[in-house]
Amino acid sequence: MLWVDKIAQDIEKRLSKQIKDRDHLIIRDEKTASGRVHIGSMRGVAIHGLLSFVLNERGINNKFLYEINDFDPMDGLPSYLDADVYKKYMGKRLLDVPSPDGKAKNFAEYYAREFIDVINKADFDVEFYRLSDIYKSGKMDEAIRLALENAKKIRNIYKKVSGSIKPDDWLPLNVVCESCGKIGTTKVTSFNGETVTYICQTDAVEWAQGCGHTGEISPFGGNASLPWKVEWPAKFKAMKVSIEGAGKDHCTRGGSREVANTIAKEVFNVQPPYDIPYEFFLIGGSKMSSSKGTGSSSKDISDSIPTKIFRLLMFNKKPIQTINFDPTGDTIPTLFDQYDKIADDYWSGVDSDTVRLFALIHKNKEPKERLYLPRFSIVAYLSQMPHINIQQEFENLKGSSLTKEEVVELNERIEYAQKWLSQYAPDKYVFKLQSTLPEAAKSLSNIQKEALSLLLSYVKGNKKLKGQDLHEQLHIIKESTSIDPKQFFTAIYQIFLNKESGPKAGWFLSVLNRETIIDLLEQATNIK
C-alpha cells in the first residue's frame, strides 16, 4: 500500500468521530512570505495536497487551507534586495512593507503570488488565505484573550516542555506600535481584560530598532499577534484544524510542535491536529532559507520540469525520507527515467504500488494506453544536433510513426531538455558537434589511427548507418586491433565532440551526417 493510502486509512480510523460529526475536515499548512519561497516549502504542500485528494477519493470531505503569513515582522532581509532601501521597514509586518516591484499590494503578496503559481501548476486543490485576514476578522481574538489570561501557564509550558525560560513579566503578545508601525520591537507590559499597555523597545532585537513609544491599545481585531509557538496552536483552534503535518525539525522532543500541542490542550482546550512529521527537501544536500535567499526557489525548480515529473519528485518518497534534488547533476534525467519505468510498470500492471503512484501523479487521469516515451537523455543530446529531425529519429527508434499523444510527449521533453541544457546540465551532457578536427584529436596514437581507419572503411562502405550495426562494428574493430576500449572511444569523442566522453558511440555516430563522419575521420587518420 502506498504511503499516502496508509496515512489516509489511519486518519479514517483515528478521526472517525470528526469525520462523522463535521461537514468536512480541515487540512492546513502555511508559509511566511518573507522572500522567494524555496522548493523545500513544497514538501508540506505536496504531502497535504495529495492526502486531501486521497481522502476525497475515500469519501471523506475535506478542505486543504493554505496560509500566506503576511502578519509576521520583517526580521531578515533577502540578499537579493537592497538593504539600504528596506532597512527602515525592518520590524514592520510583511503586509506593511512595500512590494519590490512597486506593483503588488505589499511585500508578502509579491512573493506569495509566485509561490501560489507554483502550487497551482503542481495541480493541488488548495484554498489560500492570508493570516492578516484571520487576525483582522477577530477569529484570533478568543485565543489572544486566553493566552494573555494564561500567560503564567504558557511560561510554565515553555519551561517544562522545551526548557525555555521566560521572565515573570513576559506576556505572549506583540502589538503594532501606534507611532512607528512596527510589531517586532514591542513588548506588552500589562493586560486589564480589554486593553494592553506596551513599549516599543529601541534595542530589543538586533534586526530592528523601535521608536521608544509607550501606549495602550486593544489587542484585538488585528492590532496584535501572538508569538509563533502560541500562535500555532491558536490557529488549530481558530481554523478548527484536523490535520497538519510539520517538518521534522519542529517535531523533535521538546520542539515547537510539542510546545504547541501542549498549549493547544492546556490553554485553548482543543485537541492538536493529526500530525505528519516529514523530512527536509534538500538541494544538493543543503537545507535552504527564504529570507536569506539561499537555495533554489520553488519557481526555479517548478519551471525546470513538467508537472507530472514534479509530482513524481514529491510523491515518490515517504514523508520520513529526505528528498535531495540537484538540478545541476543527473537528477532531472533520472527523474524522467523513473517516470518512464513507472509508466511501463503501470501499462504492464506488474506492481500495485507503482500503478497507484502513476494514477496519483496524473490525478486518476493517466494515459491508459501505452505510449512510446523517448528517453530524456537522448532527447537532450539530439536537441543539440541542428541537422537532426528529432521526431523522425524517434520514429526510426520506435519503428513506426509517433501518435499524436507521443508527439505531444516528445515536444514537451524537447522543451524541458533545452531548459535543462541551458541552465543546469553538467558539462558531460552538453555537446557541440565539431566542424573541423579539434586540437585534442591531432595527436592520436598509431593504434588509435588504425582502429579509426577501419571505422572509416566501414562508414564509406555503408550508405545507411544504424546504431546497433555500428555498435557491433565498433566492438569488432576493438577486438581485431586489440586497442584499449577507453583509447578507442575517447578518440571518437575527441574527433566529433572535442570531449573525453559522450553518448553511446554506435547510436551517437548513427545520427551524425555521414559525410561529416567521413570528413573528420579522414582528417584524423591522415595526420602524420
Protein backbone atom coordinates (compact mmCIF):
# COMPACT_ATOMS: atom_id res chain seq x y z
CA MET A 1 0.00 0.00 0.00
CA LEU A 2 1.34 3.42 -0.96
CA TRP A 3 2.34 5.69 1.95
CA VAL A 4 -0.46 8.19 1.39
CA ASP A 5 -3.10 5.45 1.43
CA LYS A 6 -1.72 4.15 4.73
CA ILE A 7 -1.95 7.64 6.24
CA ALA A 8 -5.49 8.12 4.90
CA GLN A 9 -6.51 4.76 6.33
CA ASP A 10 -5.09 5.71 9.73
CA ILE A 11 -6.88 9.08 9.65
CA GLU A 12 -10.16 7.38 8.81
CA LYS A 13 -9.73 5.24 11.92
CA ARG A 14 -8.37 7.83 14.35
CA LEU A 15 -10.57 10.76 13.30
CA SER A 16 -13.75 8.74 12.84
CA LYS A 17 -15.73 10.95 15.24
CA GLN A 18 -14.70 14.16 13.45
CA ILE A 19 -15.49 12.58 10.10
CA LYS A 20 -18.95 11.68 11.40
CA ASP A 21 -19.67 14.99 13.20
CA ARG A 22 -18.22 17.56 10.79
CA ASP A 23 -19.19 18.61 7.29
CA HIS A 24 -15.53 18.37 6.37
CA LEU A 25 -12.07 18.00 7.86
CA ILE A 26 -9.65 20.91 7.69
CA ILE A 27 -6.12 20.21 6.44
CA ARG A 28 -3.80 23.15 6.94
CA ASP A 29 -0.31 24.30 6.02
CA GLU A 30 1.41 27.66 5.83
CA LYS A 31 4.34 29.69 4.62
CA THR A 32 5.65 33.08 5.73
CA ALA A 33 6.08 35.21 2.61
CA SER A 34 9.41 36.75 3.64
CA GLY A 35 11.16 36.26 0.29
CA ARG A 36 11.32 33.92 -2.68
CA VAL A 37 9.90 30.66 -1.40
CA HIS A 38 12.43 27.84 -1.63
CA ILE A 39 11.48 24.46 -3.04
CA GLY A 40 11.61 22.90 0.43
CA SER A 41 8.27 24.50 1.26
CA MET A 42 6.62 22.40 -1.44
CA ARG A 43 7.21 19.26 0.66
CA GLY A 44 4.40 20.18 3.03
CA VAL A 45 2.17 21.34 0.19
CA ALA A 46 2.63 18.04 -1.64
CA ILE A 47 2.02 15.83 1.40
CA HIS A 48 -1.09 17.72 2.49
CA GLY A 49 -2.33 18.22 -1.07
CA LEU A 50 -2.02 14.55 -2.02
CA LEU A 51 -3.60 13.46 1.26
CA SER A 52 -6.53 15.80 0.63
CA PHE A 53 -7.05 14.22 -2.79
CA VAL A 54 -6.89 10.66 -1.43
CA LEU A 55 -9.28 11.42 1.44
CA ASN A 56 -11.76 12.81 -1.07
CA GLU A 57 -11.35 9.59 -3.06
CA ARG A 58 -12.35 7.70 0.08
CA GLY A 59 -15.46 9.84 0.51
CA ILE A 60 -14.02 11.86 3.42
CA ASN A 61 -14.88 15.50 2.74
CA ASN A 62 -12.10 17.93 3.48
CA LYS A 63 -10.62 21.29 2.63
CA PHE A 64 -6.93 21.99 2.24
CA LEU A 65 -6.35 25.51 3.55
CA TYR A 66 -3.01 27.15 2.87
CA GLU A 67 -1.99 30.19 4.83
CA ILE A 68 0.12 33.00 3.42
CA ASN A 69 1.59 34.52 6.56
CA ASP A 70 1.78 38.25 5.89
CA PHE A 71 1.48 39.26 9.54
CA ASP A 72 4.97 38.35 10.78
CA PRO A 73 7.54 41.11 11.14
CA MET A 74 10.29 41.52 8.59
CA ASP A 75 13.16 40.12 10.64
CA GLY A 76 15.60 39.22 7.89
CA LEU A 77 16.38 40.70 4.50
CA PRO A 78 16.93 38.52 1.42
CA SER A 79 20.41 39.00 -0.01
CA TYR A 80 18.97 39.90 -3.41
CA LEU A 81 17.28 43.06 -2.07
CA ASP A 82 18.83 46.46 -1.35
CA ALA A 83 19.42 46.69 2.41
CA ASP A 84 19.52 50.47 2.31
CA VAL A 85 16.03 50.60 0.82
CA TYR A 86 14.45 48.14 3.25
CA LYS A 87 16.32 48.91 6.47
CA LYS A 88 13.62 51.32 7.69
CA TYR A 89 10.94 48.62 7.30
CA MET A 90 12.65 46.03 9.50
CA GLY A 91 10.29 45.10 12.33
CA LYS A 92 7.13 46.02 10.42
CA ARG A 93 4.59 43.42 9.38
CA LEU A 94 5.24 42.00 5.93
CA LEU A 95 1.90 43.37 4.73
CA ASP A 96 3.11 46.86 5.70
CA VAL A 97 6.32 46.61 3.64
CA PRO A 98 6.17 47.80 0.00
CA SER A 99 6.47 45.34 -2.85
CA PRO A 100 9.89 45.07 -4.54
CA ASP A 101 8.28 45.69 -7.93
CA GLY A 102 6.03 48.54 -6.77
CA LYS A 103 3.04 46.74 -8.30
CA ALA A 104 1.94 44.05 -5.87
CA LYS A 105 -0.21 45.02 -2.90
CA ASN A 106 2.71 44.57 -0.48
CA PHE A 107 5.94 42.68 0.13
CA ALA A 108 4.21 39.47 1.19
CA GLU A 109 1.85 39.46 -1.78
CA TYR A 110 4.72 39.89 -4.21
CA TYR A 111 6.42 36.68 -3.04
CA ALA A 112 3.19 34.84 -2.28
CA ARG A 113 1.99 35.33 -5.85
CA GLU A 114 4.98 33.45 -7.23
CA PHE A 115 4.55 30.55 -4.79
CA ILE A 116 0.81 30.31 -5.40
CA ASP A 117 1.53 29.98 -9.12
CA VAL A 118 3.87 27.07 -8.38
CA ILE A 119 1.27 25.33 -6.21
CA ASN A 120 -1.39 25.78 -8.90
CA LYS A 121 0.94 24.47 -11.61
CA ALA A 122 1.62 21.39 -9.47
CA ASP A 123 -2.15 20.78 -9.66
CA PHE A 124 -3.13 20.75 -5.99
CA ASP A 125 -6.62 21.77 -4.88
CA VAL A 126 -5.94 24.49 -2.32
CA GLU A 127 -7.88 27.31 -0.70
CA PHE A 128 -5.50 30.17 0.11
CA TYR A 129 -6.00 32.68 2.89
CA ARG A 130 -3.93 35.45 4.48
CA LEU A 131 -3.12 35.44 8.19
CA SER A 132 -3.86 39.18 8.33
CA ASP A 133 -7.48 38.45 7.39
CA ILE A 134 -7.78 35.96 10.25
CA TYR A 135 -6.45 38.42 12.81
CA LYS A 136 -8.44 41.38 11.49
CA SER A 137 -11.68 39.38 11.30
CA GLY A 138 -11.50 38.67 15.03
CA LYS A 139 -11.08 34.89 14.64
CA MET A 140 -7.94 35.04 16.79
CA ASP A 141 -9.42 37.29 19.50
CA GLU A 142 -10.54 34.48 21.80
CA ALA A 143 -7.14 32.82 21.58
CA ILE A 144 -5.42 36.16 22.31
CA ARG A 145 -7.57 36.65 25.40
CA LEU A 146 -6.90 33.12 26.62
CA ALA A 147 -3.18 33.48 26.01
CA LEU A 148 -2.97 36.74 27.99
CA GLU A 149 -5.10 35.37 30.82
CA ASN A 150 -2.96 32.22 30.95
CA ALA A 151 0.43 33.84 30.44
CA LYS A 152 1.87 32.20 33.55
CA LYS A 153 0.70 28.76 32.40
CA ILE A 154 2.27 29.35 28.97
CA ARG A 155 5.55 30.38 30.57
CA ASN A 156 5.49 27.16 32.59
CA ILE A 157 4.76 25.09 29.45
CA TYR A 158 7.73 26.67 27.69
CA LYS A 159 9.95 25.77 30.63
CA LYS A 160 8.54 22.27 31.18
CA VAL A 161 8.45 21.18 27.53
CA SER A 162 11.37 22.95 25.87
CA GLY A 163 13.47 24.29 28.74
CA SER A 164 12.93 27.86 27.54
CA ILE A 165 12.65 30.29 30.45
CA LYS A 166 10.63 33.47 30.03
CA PRO A 167 10.77 36.37 32.50
CA ASP A 168 7.95 36.60 35.03
CA ASP A 169 6.61 39.73 33.32
CA TRP A 170 6.61 38.21 29.82
CA LEU A 171 3.23 38.28 28.10
CA PRO A 172 2.68 36.26 24.89
CA LEU A 173 1.81 39.12 22.56
CA ASN A 174 3.28 41.75 20.29
CA VAL A 175 1.24 44.79 19.30
CA VAL A 176 1.63 47.17 16.39
CA CYS A 177 3.25 50.36 17.66
CA GLU A 178 0.87 53.26 17.08
CA SER A 179 3.82 55.57 16.49
CA CYS A 180 6.20 53.73 14.12
CA GLY A 181 4.02 50.86 12.93
CA LYS A 182 6.48 48.15 13.98
CA ILE A 183 5.39 44.90 15.62
CA GLY A 184 8.71 43.15 16.02
CA THR A 185 10.02 45.65 18.59
CA THR A 186 7.11 45.96 21.02
CA LYS A 187 6.77 44.44 24.47
CA VAL A 188 3.39 44.13 26.15
CA THR A 189 3.63 45.08 29.82
CA SER A 190 0.09 44.56 31.14
CA PHE A 191 -3.43 43.43 30.25
CA ASN A 192 -6.56 44.66 32.02
CA GLY A 193 -9.04 42.45 30.20
CA GLU A 194 -9.75 44.94 27.42
CA THR A 195 -6.52 46.76 26.56
CA VAL A 196 -2.78 46.20 26.87
CA THR A 197 0.00 48.64 27.68
CA TYR A 198 3.21 48.35 25.71
CA ILE A 199 6.58 49.85 24.95
CA CYS A 200 8.28 49.96 21.55
CA GLN A 201 11.82 48.98 22.56
CA THR A 202 14.81 50.58 20.88
CA ASP A 203 17.23 47.70 21.41
CA ALA A 204 15.18 44.54 21.97
CA VAL A 205 16.31 42.82 18.76
CA GLU A 206 19.37 43.09 16.54
CA TRP A 207 17.44 43.29 13.28
CA ALA A 208 15.16 46.26 14.06
CA GLN A 209 15.08 49.39 16.17
CA GLY A 210 11.95 50.54 17.96
CA CYS A 211 10.96 54.16 18.49
CA GLY A 212 10.63 54.14 22.31
CA HIS A 213 6.91 54.94 22.25
CA THR A 214 4.70 53.74 25.12
CA GLY A 215 0.97 53.34 24.73
CA GLU A 216 -2.24 51.50 25.45
CA ILE A 217 -4.28 49.68 22.83
CA SER A 218 -6.83 46.92 22.35
CA PRO A 219 -5.02 43.67 21.43
CA PHE A 220 -7.96 42.51 19.32
CA GLY A 221 -9.11 42.96 15.72
CA GLY A 222 -5.68 42.81 14.13
CA ASN A 223 -3.79 45.20 16.44
CA ALA A 224 -1.51 42.45 17.72
CA SER A 225 -0.13 38.99 17.04
CA LEU A 226 0.86 36.04 19.19
CA PRO A 227 4.43 34.65 19.27
CA TRP A 228 4.76 31.72 16.89
CA LYS A 229 4.72 28.83 19.39
CA VAL A 230 1.49 30.25 20.83
CA GLU A 231 0.08 31.41 17.52
CA TRP A 232 0.43 27.95 16.01
CA PRO A 233 -2.00 26.24 18.46
CA ALA A 234 -4.21 29.34 18.33
CA LYS A 235 -4.62 28.60 14.61
CA PHE A 236 -5.51 24.99 15.44
CA LYS A 237 -8.38 26.47 17.45
CA ALA A 238 -9.41 29.34 15.20
CA MET A 239 -9.33 27.33 11.97
CA LYS A 240 -10.64 24.07 13.50
CA VAL A 241 -7.71 22.16 12.08
CA SER A 242 -7.99 18.37 11.87
CA ILE A 243 -4.75 17.50 10.03
CA GLU A 244 -1.48 19.39 9.91
CA GLY A 245 1.97 17.94 9.45
CA ALA A 246 5.28 19.71 10.01
CA GLY A 247 8.96 19.41 9.23
CA LYS A 248 10.95 17.06 11.44
CA ASP A 249 12.86 19.97 12.99
CA HIS A 250 9.60 21.09 14.63
CA CYS A 251 8.67 17.60 15.77
CA THR A 252 11.64 16.66 17.94
CA ARG A 253 11.21 16.08 21.66
CA GLY A 254 10.81 19.49 23.31
CA GLY A 255 10.43 21.13 19.91
CA SER A 256 7.92 23.70 18.77
CA ARG A 257 5.27 21.09 17.86
CA GLU A 258 5.30 19.63 21.36
CA VAL A 259 5.07 23.12 22.84
CA ALA A 260 2.19 23.97 20.51
CA ASN A 261 0.34 20.73 21.24
CA THR A 262 0.63 21.26 24.98
CA ILE A 263 -0.65 24.85 24.73
CA ALA A 264 -3.49 23.66 22.49
CA LYS A 265 -4.68 21.19 25.13
CA GLU A 266 -3.94 23.09 28.35
CA VAL A 267 -4.69 26.69 27.31
CA PHE A 268 -7.01 26.60 24.29
CA ASN A 269 -8.80 23.37 25.23
CA VAL A 270 -8.55 21.80 21.76
CA GLN A 271 -7.03 18.56 20.60
CA PRO A 272 -3.95 19.02 18.39
CA PRO A 273 -4.45 18.02 14.75
CA TYR A 274 -3.28 14.73 13.29
CA ASP A 275 0.45 15.16 12.71
CA ILE A 276 2.58 14.01 9.77
CA PRO A 277 6.25 14.71 10.54
CA TYR A 278 8.26 14.94 7.35
CA GLU A 279 11.87 15.15 6.31
CA PHE A 280 13.61 18.01 4.56
CA PHE A 281 13.74 18.77 0.87
CA LEU A 282 17.40 19.41 0.13
CA ILE A 283 19.11 20.98 -2.85
CA GLY A 284 22.43 19.28 -3.44
CA GLY A 285 22.40 18.11 0.18
CA SER A 286 21.75 21.54 1.72
CA LYS A 287 18.76 22.97 3.57
CA MET A 288 17.53 26.36 2.42
CA SER A 289 16.18 29.66 3.71
CA SER A 290 13.76 32.05 2.00
CA SER A 291 14.74 35.16 3.94
CA LYS A 292 18.48 34.54 3.47
CA GLY A 293 17.99 33.96 -0.22
CA THR A 294 19.85 30.65 -0.21
CA GLY A 295 18.89 27.55 -2.13
CA SER A 296 16.76 27.13 -5.22
CA SER A 297 13.34 28.75 -5.35
CA SER A 298 10.19 26.75 -5.84
CA LYS A 299 9.59 28.62 -9.11
CA ASP A 300 13.05 27.77 -10.46
CA ILE A 301 12.60 24.06 -9.83
CA SER A 302 8.96 24.02 -10.94
CA ASP A 303 9.93 25.71 -14.20
CA SER A 304 12.65 23.13 -14.84
CA ILE A 305 10.39 20.07 -15.06
CA PRO A 306 6.82 19.35 -16.26
CA THR A 307 4.01 18.90 -13.75
CA LYS A 308 3.93 15.11 -13.85
CA ILE A 309 7.67 14.90 -13.16
CA PHE A 310 7.35 17.49 -10.38
CA ARG A 311 4.58 15.42 -8.78
CA LEU A 312 6.68 12.26 -9.14
CA LEU A 313 9.53 14.02 -7.35
CA MET A 314 7.19 14.94 -4.48
CA PHE A 315 5.24 11.66 -4.19
CA ASN A 316 7.89 9.03 -4.80
CA LYS A 317 9.28 9.09 -1.27
CA LYS A 318 7.60 8.62 2.08
CA PRO A 319 7.34 11.72 4.30
CA ILE A 320 10.03 10.29 6.60
CA GLN A 321 12.50 10.10 3.70
CA THR A 322 14.62 13.06 2.62
CA ILE A 323 14.26 14.37 -0.92
CA ASN A 324 17.59 15.52 -2.31
CA PHE A 325 17.31 17.33 -5.63
CA ASP A 326 20.28 18.64 -7.58
CA PRO A 327 19.26 20.27 -10.88
CA THR A 328 22.93 20.61 -11.86
CA GLY A 329 23.52 16.87 -11.58
CA ASP A 330 21.79 13.81 -13.02
CA THR A 331 18.56 14.31 -11.04
CA ILE A 332 16.39 15.55 -13.89
CA PRO A 333 17.33 12.85 -16.45
CA THR A 334 16.99 10.26 -13.66
CA LEU A 335 13.50 11.52 -12.77
CA PHE A 336 12.38 11.15 -16.38
CA ASP A 337 13.82 7.62 -16.44
CA GLN A 338 11.95 6.83 -13.22
CA TYR A 339 8.74 8.15 -14.71
CA ASP A 340 9.24 6.01 -17.81
CA LYS A 341 9.83 2.92 -15.64
CA ILE A 342 6.72 3.64 -13.54
CA ALA A 343 4.68 4.21 -16.71
CA ASP A 344 5.91 0.92 -18.17
CA ASP A 345 5.06 -0.90 -14.93
CA TYR A 346 1.62 0.71 -14.94
CA TRP A 347 0.85 -0.33 -18.51
CA SER A 348 2.17 -3.82 -17.74
CA GLY A 349 0.21 -3.97 -14.45
CA VAL A 350 3.19 -5.51 -12.66
CA ASP A 351 3.07 -3.72 -9.30
CA SER A 352 0.09 -2.32 -7.43
CA ASP A 353 2.01 0.48 -5.66
CA THR A 354 3.51 1.61 -8.95
CA VAL A 355 0.11 1.54 -10.63
CA ARG A 356 -1.29 3.62 -7.77
CA LEU A 357 1.59 6.10 -7.88
CA PHE A 358 1.22 6.61 -11.63
CA ALA A 359 -2.51 7.25 -11.21
CA LEU A 360 -1.93 9.78 -8.40
CA ILE A 361 0.73 11.60 -10.40
CA HIS A 362 -1.98 12.17 -13.01
CA LYS A 363 -4.89 12.65 -10.53
CA ASN A 364 -6.52 9.50 -11.94
CA LYS A 365 -6.44 10.91 -15.47
CA GLU A 366 -3.41 8.91 -16.54
CA PRO A 367 -2.98 7.72 -20.14
CA LYS A 368 -4.48 4.23 -20.21
CA GLU A 369 -2.85 3.12 -23.46
CA ARG A 370 0.89 2.52 -23.67
CA LEU A 371 2.89 5.41 -25.17
CA TYR A 372 6.34 5.37 -26.68
CA LEU A 373 8.35 7.54 -24.27
CA PRO A 374 11.57 8.96 -25.72
CA ARG A 375 14.42 8.79 -23.22
CA PHE A 376 15.17 12.27 -21.85
CA SER A 377 18.96 11.98 -22.11
CA ILE A 378 18.67 11.07 -25.80
CA VAL A 379 16.25 13.94 -26.38
CA ALA A 380 18.76 16.27 -24.69
CA TYR A 381 21.53 15.02 -26.93
CA LEU A 382 19.54 15.26 -30.15
CA SER A 383 18.35 18.76 -29.19
CA GLN A 384 21.94 19.86 -29.69
CA MET A 385 22.16 18.49 -33.22
CA PRO A 386 20.68 21.15 -35.54
CA HIS A 387 20.72 18.89 -38.59
CA ILE A 388 18.56 16.25 -36.91
CA ASN A 389 14.80 15.83 -37.29
CA ILE A 390 14.17 14.64 -33.75
CA GLN A 391 10.69 13.29 -34.41
CA GLN A 392 11.99 11.29 -37.36
CA GLU A 393 14.85 9.87 -35.26
CA PHE A 394 12.45 8.64 -32.60
CA GLU A 395 10.11 7.21 -35.21
CA ASN A 396 13.13 5.29 -36.51
CA LEU A 397 13.87 4.06 -32.97
CA LYS A 398 10.21 3.16 -32.37
CA GLY A 399 9.88 1.50 -35.77
CA SER A 400 6.67 3.34 -36.66
CA SER A 401 5.12 6.80 -36.70
CA LEU A 402 4.51 8.56 -33.40
CA THR A 403 0.88 9.03 -32.35
CA LYS A 404 -0.49 12.49 -31.58
CA GLU A 405 -0.06 11.82 -27.85
CA GLU A 406 3.52 10.67 -28.40
CA VAL A 407 4.34 13.79 -30.42
CA VAL A 408 2.99 15.94 -27.56
CA GLU A 409 5.16 13.99 -25.10
CA LEU A 410 8.22 14.35 -27.32
CA ASN A 411 7.74 18.09 -27.77
CA GLU A 412 7.36 18.54 -24.01
CA ARG A 413 10.61 16.68 -23.44
CA ILE A 414 12.38 18.74 -26.07
CA GLU A 415 11.21 21.92 -24.32
CA TYR A 416 12.43 20.81 -20.89
CA ALA A 417 15.64 19.29 -22.25
CA GLN A 418 16.54 22.64 -23.79
CA LYS A 419 15.79 24.41 -20.48
CA TRP A 420 17.94 21.92 -18.60
CA LEU A 421 20.81 22.20 -21.07
CA SER A 422 20.80 25.99 -20.95
CA GLN A 423 20.53 26.34 -17.16
CA TYR A 424 21.60 23.27 -15.23
CA ALA A 425 23.08 20.38 -17.23
CA PRO A 426 26.54 19.13 -16.23
CA ASP A 427 29.25 19.57 -18.81
CA LYS A 428 29.16 15.89 -19.72
CA TYR A 429 25.68 16.32 -21.21
CA VAL A 430 26.43 19.46 -23.21
CA PHE A 431 27.75 18.76 -26.71
CA LYS A 432 28.74 20.68 -29.76
CA LEU A 433 29.38 18.81 -32.96
CA GLN A 434 32.77 19.79 -34.37
CA SER A 435 33.05 21.07 -37.94
CA THR A 436 36.85 20.79 -38.06
CA LEU A 437 39.26 18.45 -36.31
CA PRO A 438 39.89 19.66 -32.71
CA GLU A 439 43.45 20.08 -31.46
CA ALA A 440 42.97 17.23 -28.95
CA ALA A 441 42.41 14.82 -31.85
CA LYS A 442 45.58 15.77 -33.73
CA SER A 443 47.92 13.68 -31.60
CA LEU A 444 46.34 10.25 -31.82
CA SER A 445 48.46 7.13 -31.36
CA ASN A 446 49.11 4.71 -34.21
CA ILE A 447 46.77 2.10 -32.80
CA GLN A 448 44.00 4.72 -32.46
CA LYS A 449 44.52 5.70 -36.11
CA GLU A 450 44.45 2.04 -37.15
CA ALA A 451 41.12 1.47 -35.39
CA LEU A 452 39.67 4.70 -36.78
CA SER A 453 40.77 3.75 -40.32
CA LEU A 454 38.76 0.53 -40.02
CA LEU A 455 35.78 2.57 -38.82
CA LEU A 456 36.23 4.94 -41.78
CA SER A 457 36.22 1.99 -44.21
CA TYR A 458 33.01 0.68 -42.68
CA VAL A 459 31.25 4.06 -42.93
CA LYS A 460 32.35 4.50 -46.55
CA GLY A 461 31.03 1.06 -47.37
CA ASN A 462 27.58 1.60 -45.82
CA LYS A 463 25.30 4.34 -47.05
CA LYS A 464 22.76 3.76 -44.23
CA LEU A 465 24.18 3.76 -40.73
CA LYS A 466 22.22 2.04 -37.98
CA GLY A 467 23.01 2.37 -34.29
CA GLN A 468 23.01 -1.34 -33.47
CA ASP A 469 25.11 -2.22 -36.53
CA LEU A 470 27.65 0.48 -35.67
CA HIS A 471 27.72 -0.69 -32.05
CA GLU A 472 28.57 -4.22 -33.16
CA GLN A 473 31.15 -3.00 -35.69
CA LEU A 474 32.94 -0.88 -33.09
CA HIS A 475 33.36 -3.96 -30.89
CA ILE A 476 34.63 -5.99 -33.86
CA ILE A 477 37.23 -3.28 -34.56
CA LYS A 478 38.17 -3.16 -30.89
CA GLU A 479 38.77 -6.90 -30.79
CA SER A 480 40.63 -7.08 -34.11
CA THR A 481 43.07 -4.29 -33.22
CA SER A 482 43.37 -5.15 -29.51
CA ILE A 483 43.03 -1.44 -28.77
CA ASP A 484 42.20 -0.44 -25.21
CA PRO A 485 38.45 0.40 -25.21
CA LYS A 486 38.98 3.70 -23.44
CA GLN A 487 41.58 4.77 -26.02
CA PHE A 488 39.28 3.87 -28.88
CA PHE A 489 36.12 5.57 -27.62
CA THR A 490 37.99 8.60 -26.30
CA ALA A 491 39.42 9.14 -29.79
CA ILE A 492 35.91 9.03 -31.30
CA TYR A 493 34.55 11.58 -28.81
CA GLN A 494 37.58 13.86 -29.23
CA ILE A 495 37.15 13.90 -33.01
CA PHE A 496 33.45 14.66 -33.11
CA LEU A 497 32.71 16.44 -29.80
CA ASN A 498 36.10 17.63 -28.50
CA LYS A 499 35.34 15.73 -25.28
CA GLU A 500 36.72 12.70 -23.48
CA SER A 501 33.33 11.00 -23.25
CA GLY A 502 29.84 11.14 -24.73
CA PRO A 503 26.67 9.19 -25.58
CA LYS A 504 26.71 5.55 -26.66
CA ALA A 505 29.16 5.62 -29.55
CA GLY A 506 27.28 3.43 -32.04
CA TRP A 507 23.99 5.24 -31.66
CA PHE A 508 25.77 8.61 -31.48
CA LEU A 509 27.55 8.05 -34.82
CA SER A 510 24.37 6.74 -36.45
CA VAL A 511 22.61 10.13 -36.10
CA LEU A 512 25.51 12.16 -37.49
CA ASN A 513 25.69 13.30 -41.08
CA ARG A 514 27.56 10.53 -42.93
CA GLU A 515 29.72 13.00 -44.91
CA THR A 516 30.72 14.73 -41.67
CA ILE A 517 31.83 11.40 -40.20
CA ILE A 518 33.90 10.59 -43.28
CA ASP A 519 35.45 14.07 -43.41
CA LEU A 520 36.53 14.16 -39.74
CA LEU A 521 37.76 10.56 -39.73
CA GLU A 522 39.85 11.25 -42.85
CA GLN A 523 41.36 14.32 -41.20
CA ALA A 524 42.19 12.36 -38.03
CA THR A 525 43.71 9.33 -39.77
CA ASN A 526 45.75 11.30 -42.30
CA ILE A 527 47.68 13.37 -39.77
CA LYS A 528 51.37 12.49 -39.86
